[in-house]
N, C-alpha and C. Protein backbone atom coordinates (compact mmCIF):
# COMPACT_ATOMS: atom_id res chain seq x y z
N MET A 1 -39.70 -26.39 16.91
CA MET A 1 -38.90 -26.84 15.78
C MET A 1 -39.78 -27.60 14.81
N LYS A 2 -39.66 -27.29 13.52
CA LYS A 2 -40.47 -28.01 12.54
C LYS A 2 -39.91 -29.41 12.34
N ASP A 3 -40.79 -30.32 11.89
CA ASP A 3 -40.37 -31.70 11.65
C ASP A 3 -39.44 -31.75 10.44
N ILE A 4 -38.28 -32.37 10.64
CA ILE A 4 -37.37 -32.60 9.53
C ILE A 4 -36.98 -34.07 9.57
N THR A 5 -36.61 -34.58 8.42
CA THR A 5 -36.22 -35.99 8.37
C THR A 5 -34.79 -36.16 8.88
N ILE A 6 -34.48 -37.36 9.32
CA ILE A 6 -33.12 -37.67 9.76
C ILE A 6 -32.16 -37.47 8.61
N ASP A 7 -32.57 -37.92 7.44
CA ASP A 7 -31.75 -37.76 6.23
C ASP A 7 -31.42 -36.29 5.99
N TYR A 8 -32.43 -35.43 6.08
CA TYR A 8 -32.22 -34.00 5.85
C TYR A 8 -31.24 -33.42 6.87
N ALA A 9 -31.41 -33.77 8.14
CA ALA A 9 -30.53 -33.25 9.19
C ALA A 9 -29.08 -33.69 8.94
N LEU A 10 -28.90 -34.95 8.56
CA LEU A 10 -27.54 -35.45 8.28
C LEU A 10 -26.93 -34.71 7.09
N ARG A 11 -27.69 -34.63 5.98
CA ARG A 11 -27.16 -33.98 4.77
C ARG A 11 -26.87 -32.51 4.99
N ALA A 12 -27.82 -31.80 5.62
CA ALA A 12 -27.65 -30.36 5.82
C ALA A 12 -26.45 -30.07 6.71
N THR A 13 -26.31 -30.87 7.76
CA THR A 13 -25.18 -30.67 8.67
C THR A 13 -23.86 -31.00 7.97
N TRP A 14 -23.83 -32.13 7.23
CA TRP A 14 -22.58 -32.48 6.55
C TRP A 14 -22.22 -31.44 5.50
N GLN A 15 -23.21 -30.89 4.79
CA GLN A 15 -22.93 -29.85 3.81
C GLN A 15 -22.36 -28.60 4.48
N ALA A 16 -22.89 -28.26 5.65
CA ALA A 16 -22.37 -27.10 6.39
C ALA A 16 -20.93 -27.35 6.84
N VAL A 17 -20.66 -28.57 7.33
CA VAL A 17 -19.31 -28.92 7.76
C VAL A 17 -18.36 -28.87 6.55
N THR A 18 -18.80 -29.41 5.43
CA THR A 18 -17.99 -29.40 4.21
C THR A 18 -17.65 -27.98 3.78
N ARG A 19 -18.66 -27.11 3.76
CA ARG A 19 -18.43 -25.70 3.40
C ARG A 19 -17.42 -25.06 4.36
N MET A 20 -17.61 -25.31 5.66
CA MET A 20 -16.72 -24.74 6.67
C MET A 20 -15.28 -25.21 6.44
N TYR A 21 -15.10 -26.53 6.24
CA TYR A 21 -13.75 -27.06 6.02
C TYR A 21 -13.15 -26.53 4.72
N ASN A 22 -13.94 -26.42 3.67
CA ASN A 22 -13.41 -25.90 2.40
C ASN A 22 -13.01 -24.43 2.53
N GLU A 23 -13.79 -23.65 3.26
CA GLU A 23 -13.42 -22.25 3.49
C GLU A 23 -12.10 -22.16 4.25
N GLU A 24 -11.94 -23.02 5.26
CA GLU A 24 -10.71 -23.02 6.05
C GLU A 24 -9.54 -23.52 5.21
N ALA A 25 -9.78 -24.57 4.41
CA ALA A 25 -8.72 -25.15 3.57
C ALA A 25 -8.21 -24.14 2.55
N LYS A 26 -9.11 -23.28 2.06
CA LYS A 26 -8.72 -22.24 1.09
C LYS A 26 -7.61 -21.36 1.63
N LYS A 27 -7.64 -21.11 2.94
CA LYS A 27 -6.61 -20.28 3.57
C LYS A 27 -5.23 -20.92 3.45
N PHE A 28 -5.22 -22.25 3.28
CA PHE A 28 -3.97 -23.00 3.17
C PHE A 28 -3.69 -23.42 1.72
N GLY A 29 -4.51 -22.91 0.79
CA GLY A 29 -4.33 -23.26 -0.62
C GLY A 29 -4.72 -24.70 -0.92
N ALA A 30 -5.71 -25.21 -0.22
CA ALA A 30 -6.10 -26.62 -0.40
C ALA A 30 -7.62 -26.74 -0.43
N THR A 31 -8.08 -27.97 -0.39
CA THR A 31 -9.51 -28.27 -0.29
C THR A 31 -9.71 -29.25 0.85
N MET A 32 -10.96 -29.43 1.25
CA MET A 32 -11.27 -30.40 2.29
C MET A 32 -10.82 -31.80 1.86
N ALA A 33 -11.03 -32.13 0.59
CA ALA A 33 -10.66 -33.46 0.10
C ALA A 33 -9.16 -33.70 0.23
N VAL A 34 -8.36 -32.69 -0.06
CA VAL A 34 -6.91 -32.81 0.08
C VAL A 34 -6.55 -33.00 1.56
N GLY A 35 -7.15 -32.19 2.43
CA GLY A 35 -6.89 -32.32 3.87
C GLY A 35 -7.26 -33.69 4.40
N PHE A 36 -8.42 -34.19 3.97
CA PHE A 36 -8.87 -35.51 4.40
C PHE A 36 -7.92 -36.59 3.90
N THR A 37 -7.43 -36.43 2.69
CA THR A 37 -6.47 -37.40 2.13
C THR A 37 -5.17 -37.36 2.91
N LEU A 38 -4.68 -36.16 3.22
CA LEU A 38 -3.45 -36.04 4.00
C LEU A 38 -3.57 -36.76 5.34
N LEU A 39 -4.74 -36.64 5.96
CA LEU A 39 -4.96 -37.28 7.26
C LEU A 39 -5.15 -38.79 7.15
N SER A 40 -5.47 -39.28 5.96
CA SER A 40 -5.71 -40.70 5.75
C SER A 40 -4.45 -41.48 5.37
N ILE A 41 -3.38 -40.77 5.07
CA ILE A 41 -2.12 -41.42 4.68
C ILE A 41 -1.26 -41.59 5.93
N ASP A 42 -0.77 -42.80 6.14
CA ASP A 42 0.10 -43.06 7.30
C ASP A 42 1.37 -42.23 7.15
N PRO A 43 1.65 -41.34 8.11
CA PRO A 43 2.79 -40.43 7.95
C PRO A 43 4.16 -41.13 8.05
N LYS A 44 4.20 -42.32 8.62
CA LYS A 44 5.49 -43.01 8.78
C LYS A 44 5.75 -44.03 7.69
N THR A 45 4.75 -44.87 7.41
CA THR A 45 4.97 -46.00 6.49
C THR A 45 4.32 -45.82 5.13
N GLY A 46 3.54 -44.75 4.96
CA GLY A 46 2.80 -44.60 3.72
C GLY A 46 1.57 -45.48 3.73
N THR A 47 0.76 -45.37 2.71
CA THR A 47 -0.47 -46.14 2.61
C THR A 47 -0.60 -46.70 1.21
N PRO A 48 -0.95 -47.99 1.09
CA PRO A 48 -1.17 -48.55 -0.25
C PRO A 48 -2.27 -47.77 -0.97
N SER A 49 -2.03 -47.45 -2.21
CA SER A 49 -3.01 -46.67 -2.97
C SER A 49 -4.35 -47.41 -3.05
N THR A 50 -4.31 -48.73 -3.09
CA THR A 50 -5.55 -49.51 -3.22
C THR A 50 -6.40 -49.49 -1.95
N SER A 51 -5.79 -49.23 -0.81
CA SER A 51 -6.58 -49.20 0.43
C SER A 51 -7.03 -47.80 0.80
N LEU A 52 -6.49 -46.80 0.13
CA LEU A 52 -6.83 -45.42 0.46
C LEU A 52 -8.28 -45.08 0.13
N GLY A 53 -8.75 -45.48 -1.05
CA GLY A 53 -10.13 -45.20 -1.45
C GLY A 53 -11.15 -45.77 -0.48
N PRO A 54 -11.09 -47.09 -0.20
CA PRO A 54 -12.04 -47.67 0.76
C PRO A 54 -11.93 -47.03 2.16
N LYS A 55 -10.72 -46.72 2.57
CA LYS A 55 -10.51 -46.11 3.89
C LYS A 55 -11.22 -44.76 3.98
N MET A 56 -11.25 -44.04 2.85
CA MET A 56 -11.85 -42.72 2.82
C MET A 56 -13.30 -42.74 2.35
N GLY A 57 -13.77 -43.89 1.87
CA GLY A 57 -15.12 -43.97 1.34
C GLY A 57 -15.25 -43.22 0.03
N MET A 58 -14.21 -43.30 -0.81
CA MET A 58 -14.18 -42.56 -2.07
C MET A 58 -14.05 -43.49 -3.25
N GLU A 59 -14.60 -43.06 -4.37
CA GLU A 59 -14.46 -43.81 -5.61
C GLU A 59 -13.04 -43.64 -6.14
N ALA A 60 -12.54 -44.67 -6.82
CA ALA A 60 -11.17 -44.66 -7.33
C ALA A 60 -10.91 -43.48 -8.27
N THR A 61 -11.88 -43.15 -9.12
CA THR A 61 -11.70 -42.06 -10.08
C THR A 61 -11.48 -40.73 -9.38
N SER A 62 -12.32 -40.44 -8.38
CA SER A 62 -12.18 -39.17 -7.64
C SER A 62 -10.86 -39.13 -6.90
N LEU A 63 -10.51 -40.25 -6.28
CA LEU A 63 -9.26 -40.31 -5.53
C LEU A 63 -8.06 -40.14 -6.45
N SER A 64 -8.11 -40.73 -7.63
CA SER A 64 -7.00 -40.59 -8.58
C SER A 64 -6.75 -39.14 -8.93
N ARG A 65 -7.83 -38.39 -9.14
CA ARG A 65 -7.69 -36.96 -9.47
C ARG A 65 -7.05 -36.19 -8.31
N ILE A 66 -7.50 -36.49 -7.10
CA ILE A 66 -6.96 -35.81 -5.92
C ILE A 66 -5.48 -36.14 -5.75
N LEU A 67 -5.14 -37.44 -5.89
CA LEU A 67 -3.74 -37.86 -5.73
C LEU A 67 -2.84 -37.22 -6.79
N LYS A 68 -3.34 -37.13 -8.01
CA LYS A 68 -2.55 -36.51 -9.08
C LYS A 68 -2.29 -35.04 -8.74
N SER A 69 -3.31 -34.36 -8.30
CA SER A 69 -3.18 -32.95 -7.91
C SER A 69 -2.21 -32.80 -6.74
N MET A 70 -2.31 -33.70 -5.76
CA MET A 70 -1.43 -33.63 -4.60
C MET A 70 0.03 -33.90 -4.98
N GLU A 71 0.21 -34.80 -5.93
CA GLU A 71 1.57 -35.10 -6.40
C GLU A 71 2.16 -33.89 -7.11
N GLU A 72 1.34 -33.24 -7.95
CA GLU A 72 1.79 -32.04 -8.68
C GLU A 72 2.17 -30.90 -7.73
N LYS A 73 1.47 -30.84 -6.57
CA LYS A 73 1.75 -29.79 -5.58
C LYS A 73 2.89 -30.16 -4.64
N GLY A 74 3.42 -31.36 -4.80
CA GLY A 74 4.55 -31.78 -3.96
C GLY A 74 4.16 -32.24 -2.57
N LEU A 75 2.89 -32.65 -2.40
CA LEU A 75 2.43 -33.10 -1.09
C LEU A 75 2.69 -34.59 -0.86
N ILE A 76 2.67 -35.36 -1.96
CA ILE A 76 2.85 -36.81 -1.85
C ILE A 76 3.82 -37.28 -2.92
N GLU A 77 4.30 -38.50 -2.72
CA GLU A 77 5.05 -39.18 -3.77
C GLU A 77 4.64 -40.64 -3.75
N ARG A 78 4.68 -41.24 -4.91
CA ARG A 78 4.33 -42.66 -5.04
C ARG A 78 5.62 -43.46 -5.08
N ARG A 79 5.65 -44.52 -4.28
CA ARG A 79 6.82 -45.41 -4.26
C ARG A 79 6.35 -46.85 -4.41
N PRO A 80 7.17 -47.68 -5.04
CA PRO A 80 6.80 -49.09 -5.15
C PRO A 80 6.66 -49.70 -3.75
N ASN A 81 5.68 -50.58 -3.61
CA ASN A 81 5.46 -51.27 -2.34
C ASN A 81 6.50 -52.40 -2.23
N PRO A 82 7.40 -52.32 -1.23
CA PRO A 82 8.44 -53.35 -1.12
C PRO A 82 7.87 -54.75 -0.82
N LYS A 83 6.67 -54.80 -0.26
CA LYS A 83 6.05 -56.09 0.07
C LYS A 83 5.24 -56.67 -1.08
N ASP A 84 4.91 -55.82 -2.05
CA ASP A 84 4.11 -56.25 -3.20
C ASP A 84 4.57 -55.43 -4.40
N GLY A 85 5.39 -56.05 -5.25
CA GLY A 85 5.97 -55.35 -6.39
C GLY A 85 4.96 -54.74 -7.33
N ARG A 86 3.71 -55.23 -7.31
CA ARG A 86 2.69 -54.68 -8.20
C ARG A 86 2.05 -53.42 -7.63
N GLY A 87 2.16 -53.25 -6.30
CA GLY A 87 1.46 -52.16 -5.64
C GLY A 87 2.30 -50.90 -5.49
N VAL A 88 1.62 -49.84 -5.11
CA VAL A 88 2.26 -48.54 -4.91
C VAL A 88 1.87 -48.03 -3.53
N LEU A 89 2.85 -47.47 -2.82
CA LEU A 89 2.57 -46.82 -1.54
C LEU A 89 2.57 -45.31 -1.75
N ILE A 90 1.61 -44.66 -1.14
CA ILE A 90 1.53 -43.20 -1.18
C ILE A 90 2.21 -42.69 0.09
N HIS A 91 3.26 -41.89 -0.08
CA HIS A 91 4.00 -41.32 1.04
C HIS A 91 3.86 -39.80 1.03
N LEU A 92 3.83 -39.22 2.22
CA LEU A 92 3.81 -37.78 2.35
C LEU A 92 5.23 -37.24 2.21
N THR A 93 5.37 -36.16 1.49
CA THR A 93 6.65 -35.47 1.40
C THR A 93 6.80 -34.61 2.67
N PRO A 94 7.96 -34.01 2.89
CA PRO A 94 8.07 -33.09 4.03
C PRO A 94 7.02 -31.97 3.97
N PHE A 95 6.74 -31.46 2.77
CA PHE A 95 5.69 -30.45 2.61
C PHE A 95 4.32 -31.05 2.93
N GLY A 96 4.09 -32.28 2.50
CA GLY A 96 2.84 -32.96 2.80
C GLY A 96 2.66 -33.19 4.30
N LEU A 97 3.74 -33.52 4.98
CA LEU A 97 3.68 -33.70 6.45
C LEU A 97 3.32 -32.38 7.13
N GLU A 98 3.88 -31.29 6.62
CA GLU A 98 3.57 -29.97 7.17
C GLU A 98 2.09 -29.64 6.97
N LYS A 99 1.59 -29.87 5.76
CA LYS A 99 0.18 -29.60 5.47
C LYS A 99 -0.74 -30.56 6.22
N ARG A 100 -0.26 -31.77 6.49
CA ARG A 100 -1.04 -32.73 7.29
C ARG A 100 -1.25 -32.17 8.70
N GLU A 101 -0.21 -31.57 9.25
CA GLU A 101 -0.33 -30.97 10.58
C GLU A 101 -1.34 -29.81 10.57
N ASP A 102 -1.33 -29.02 9.49
CA ASP A 102 -2.34 -27.95 9.37
C ASP A 102 -3.74 -28.54 9.36
N SER A 103 -3.93 -29.61 8.59
CA SER A 103 -5.24 -30.27 8.50
C SER A 103 -5.66 -30.83 9.85
N LYS A 104 -4.73 -31.44 10.52
CA LYS A 104 -5.01 -32.03 11.84
C LYS A 104 -5.44 -30.94 12.82
N ALA A 105 -4.76 -29.80 12.80
CA ALA A 105 -5.09 -28.70 13.70
C ALA A 105 -6.51 -28.18 13.43
N VAL A 106 -6.89 -28.10 12.16
CA VAL A 106 -8.23 -27.63 11.80
C VAL A 106 -9.30 -28.60 12.32
N VAL A 107 -9.07 -29.90 12.13
CA VAL A 107 -10.03 -30.90 12.60
C VAL A 107 -10.12 -30.90 14.13
N LEU A 108 -8.98 -30.81 14.79
CA LEU A 108 -8.99 -30.80 16.26
C LEU A 108 -9.69 -29.55 16.80
N GLN A 109 -9.49 -28.41 16.12
CA GLN A 109 -10.18 -27.19 16.57
C GLN A 109 -11.69 -27.37 16.44
N PHE A 110 -12.15 -27.95 15.34
CA PHE A 110 -13.58 -28.21 15.17
C PHE A 110 -14.08 -29.12 16.30
N ASN A 111 -13.37 -30.24 16.52
CA ASN A 111 -13.79 -31.19 17.55
C ASN A 111 -13.81 -30.53 18.94
N ASN A 112 -12.78 -29.79 19.26
CA ASN A 112 -12.71 -29.15 20.58
C ASN A 112 -13.81 -28.11 20.77
N THR A 113 -14.11 -27.35 19.72
CA THR A 113 -15.17 -26.35 19.81
C THR A 113 -16.52 -27.02 20.01
N VAL A 114 -16.79 -28.09 19.26
CA VAL A 114 -18.06 -28.80 19.43
C VAL A 114 -18.14 -29.40 20.83
N LYS A 115 -17.06 -30.04 21.26
CA LYS A 115 -17.05 -30.67 22.59
C LYS A 115 -17.25 -29.66 23.71
N SER A 116 -16.76 -28.46 23.53
CA SER A 116 -16.92 -27.45 24.59
C SER A 116 -18.32 -26.83 24.59
N ASN A 117 -19.11 -27.11 23.58
CA ASN A 117 -20.46 -26.55 23.50
C ASN A 117 -21.57 -27.60 23.64
N ILE A 118 -21.20 -28.86 23.76
CA ILE A 118 -22.18 -29.94 23.88
C ILE A 118 -21.74 -30.85 25.02
N SER A 119 -22.69 -31.23 25.85
CA SER A 119 -22.34 -32.09 26.99
C SER A 119 -21.86 -33.46 26.51
N GLN A 120 -21.04 -34.10 27.34
CA GLN A 120 -20.53 -35.43 27.00
C GLN A 120 -21.68 -36.41 26.83
N GLU A 121 -22.71 -36.26 27.63
CA GLU A 121 -23.87 -37.16 27.53
C GLU A 121 -24.53 -37.04 26.14
N LYS A 122 -24.71 -35.81 25.67
CA LYS A 122 -25.31 -35.61 24.34
C LYS A 122 -24.38 -36.15 23.24
N LEU A 123 -23.08 -35.94 23.39
CA LEU A 123 -22.13 -36.48 22.40
C LEU A 123 -22.18 -38.01 22.39
N ASP A 124 -22.27 -38.62 23.56
CA ASP A 124 -22.38 -40.08 23.63
C ASP A 124 -23.62 -40.56 22.91
N HIS A 125 -24.75 -39.85 23.11
CA HIS A 125 -25.99 -40.21 22.41
C HIS A 125 -25.83 -40.05 20.90
N PHE A 126 -25.18 -38.97 20.48
CA PHE A 126 -24.95 -38.72 19.05
C PHE A 126 -24.17 -39.89 18.44
N PHE A 127 -23.09 -40.29 19.08
CA PHE A 127 -22.28 -41.39 18.55
C PHE A 127 -23.05 -42.72 18.58
N ASP A 128 -23.87 -42.90 19.59
CA ASP A 128 -24.71 -44.11 19.63
C ASP A 128 -25.66 -44.14 18.43
N VAL A 129 -26.29 -43.00 18.15
CA VAL A 129 -27.22 -42.92 17.03
C VAL A 129 -26.49 -43.16 15.70
N MET A 130 -25.32 -42.55 15.53
CA MET A 130 -24.55 -42.74 14.29
C MET A 130 -24.17 -44.21 14.12
N GLU A 131 -23.79 -44.87 15.21
CA GLU A 131 -23.42 -46.28 15.16
C GLU A 131 -24.62 -47.14 14.75
N ILE A 132 -25.77 -46.84 15.30
CA ILE A 132 -26.98 -47.60 14.96
C ILE A 132 -27.35 -47.40 13.49
N ILE A 133 -27.30 -46.15 13.02
CA ILE A 133 -27.61 -45.89 11.61
C ILE A 133 -26.66 -46.65 10.71
N ASN A 134 -25.36 -46.60 11.01
CA ASN A 134 -24.38 -47.33 10.20
C ASN A 134 -24.61 -48.83 10.24
N ARG A 135 -24.97 -49.36 11.39
CA ARG A 135 -25.25 -50.79 11.50
C ARG A 135 -26.48 -51.17 10.68
N LEU A 136 -27.53 -50.38 10.78
CA LEU A 136 -28.75 -50.66 10.01
C LEU A 136 -28.46 -50.67 8.51
N ILE A 137 -27.63 -49.74 8.08
CA ILE A 137 -27.26 -49.68 6.65
C ILE A 137 -26.40 -50.87 6.28
N SER A 138 -25.36 -51.16 7.07
CA SER A 138 -24.45 -52.26 6.71
C SER A 138 -25.14 -53.62 6.76
N GLU A 139 -26.12 -53.76 7.65
CA GLU A 139 -26.87 -55.03 7.73
C GLU A 139 -28.06 -55.05 6.77
N LYS A 140 -28.14 -54.00 5.93
CA LYS A 140 -29.19 -53.88 4.91
C LYS A 140 -30.59 -54.02 5.52
N LYS A 141 -30.79 -53.32 6.63
CA LYS A 141 -32.09 -53.38 7.32
C LYS A 141 -32.97 -52.17 7.02
N ILE A 142 -32.51 -51.28 6.16
CA ILE A 142 -33.31 -50.11 5.81
C ILE A 142 -34.31 -50.47 4.72
N TYR A 143 -33.83 -51.08 3.66
CA TYR A 143 -34.68 -51.46 2.55
C TYR A 143 -34.60 -52.97 2.38
N LEU A 144 -35.69 -53.55 1.97
CA LEU A 144 -35.72 -55.00 1.77
C LEU A 144 -34.83 -55.39 0.61
N GLN A 145 -34.17 -56.54 0.75
CA GLN A 145 -33.31 -57.06 -0.32
C GLN A 145 -34.10 -57.32 -1.60
N ASN A 146 -35.26 -57.94 -1.44
CA ASN A 146 -36.08 -58.31 -2.60
C ASN A 146 -37.26 -57.36 -2.74
N SER A 147 -36.94 -56.10 -2.98
CA SER A 147 -38.01 -55.11 -3.10
C SER A 147 -38.79 -55.36 -4.39
N PRO A 148 -40.09 -55.01 -4.39
CA PRO A 148 -40.93 -55.22 -5.56
C PRO A 148 -40.42 -54.43 -6.76
N LYS A 149 -40.65 -54.97 -7.93
CA LYS A 149 -40.18 -54.33 -9.18
C LYS A 149 -41.20 -53.40 -9.74
């Protein structure tokens, strides 16, 4: 195997996963972003619109476009937050709940297929490595805070 960087392996794999999910989502008339959003909304109580972006790791502008599109397709509805009159809760419609189940099935099939082809020990190592990378990034240990100008 030729030497590749960790960054390259992460990006190439995530791009392949994204393409795979988008191809599958097309069969349901959706996109990966819509499926991910459906899975990020609490199906019983709804989710505050302000917490959805951070929960998904998305910028507000991108999320606004997705939510608008989902509302137009009848997947979600916005309701005033009874606990905070200034806020809005995003709720799934019955159609949105149905599409959420489709999204969930696609994700579970991916996870089950990967799990059936990789030993638990290797998966444990994978998650350990991902946790370490995330910790190094969150603790800002990759690049120095006061880097030279």
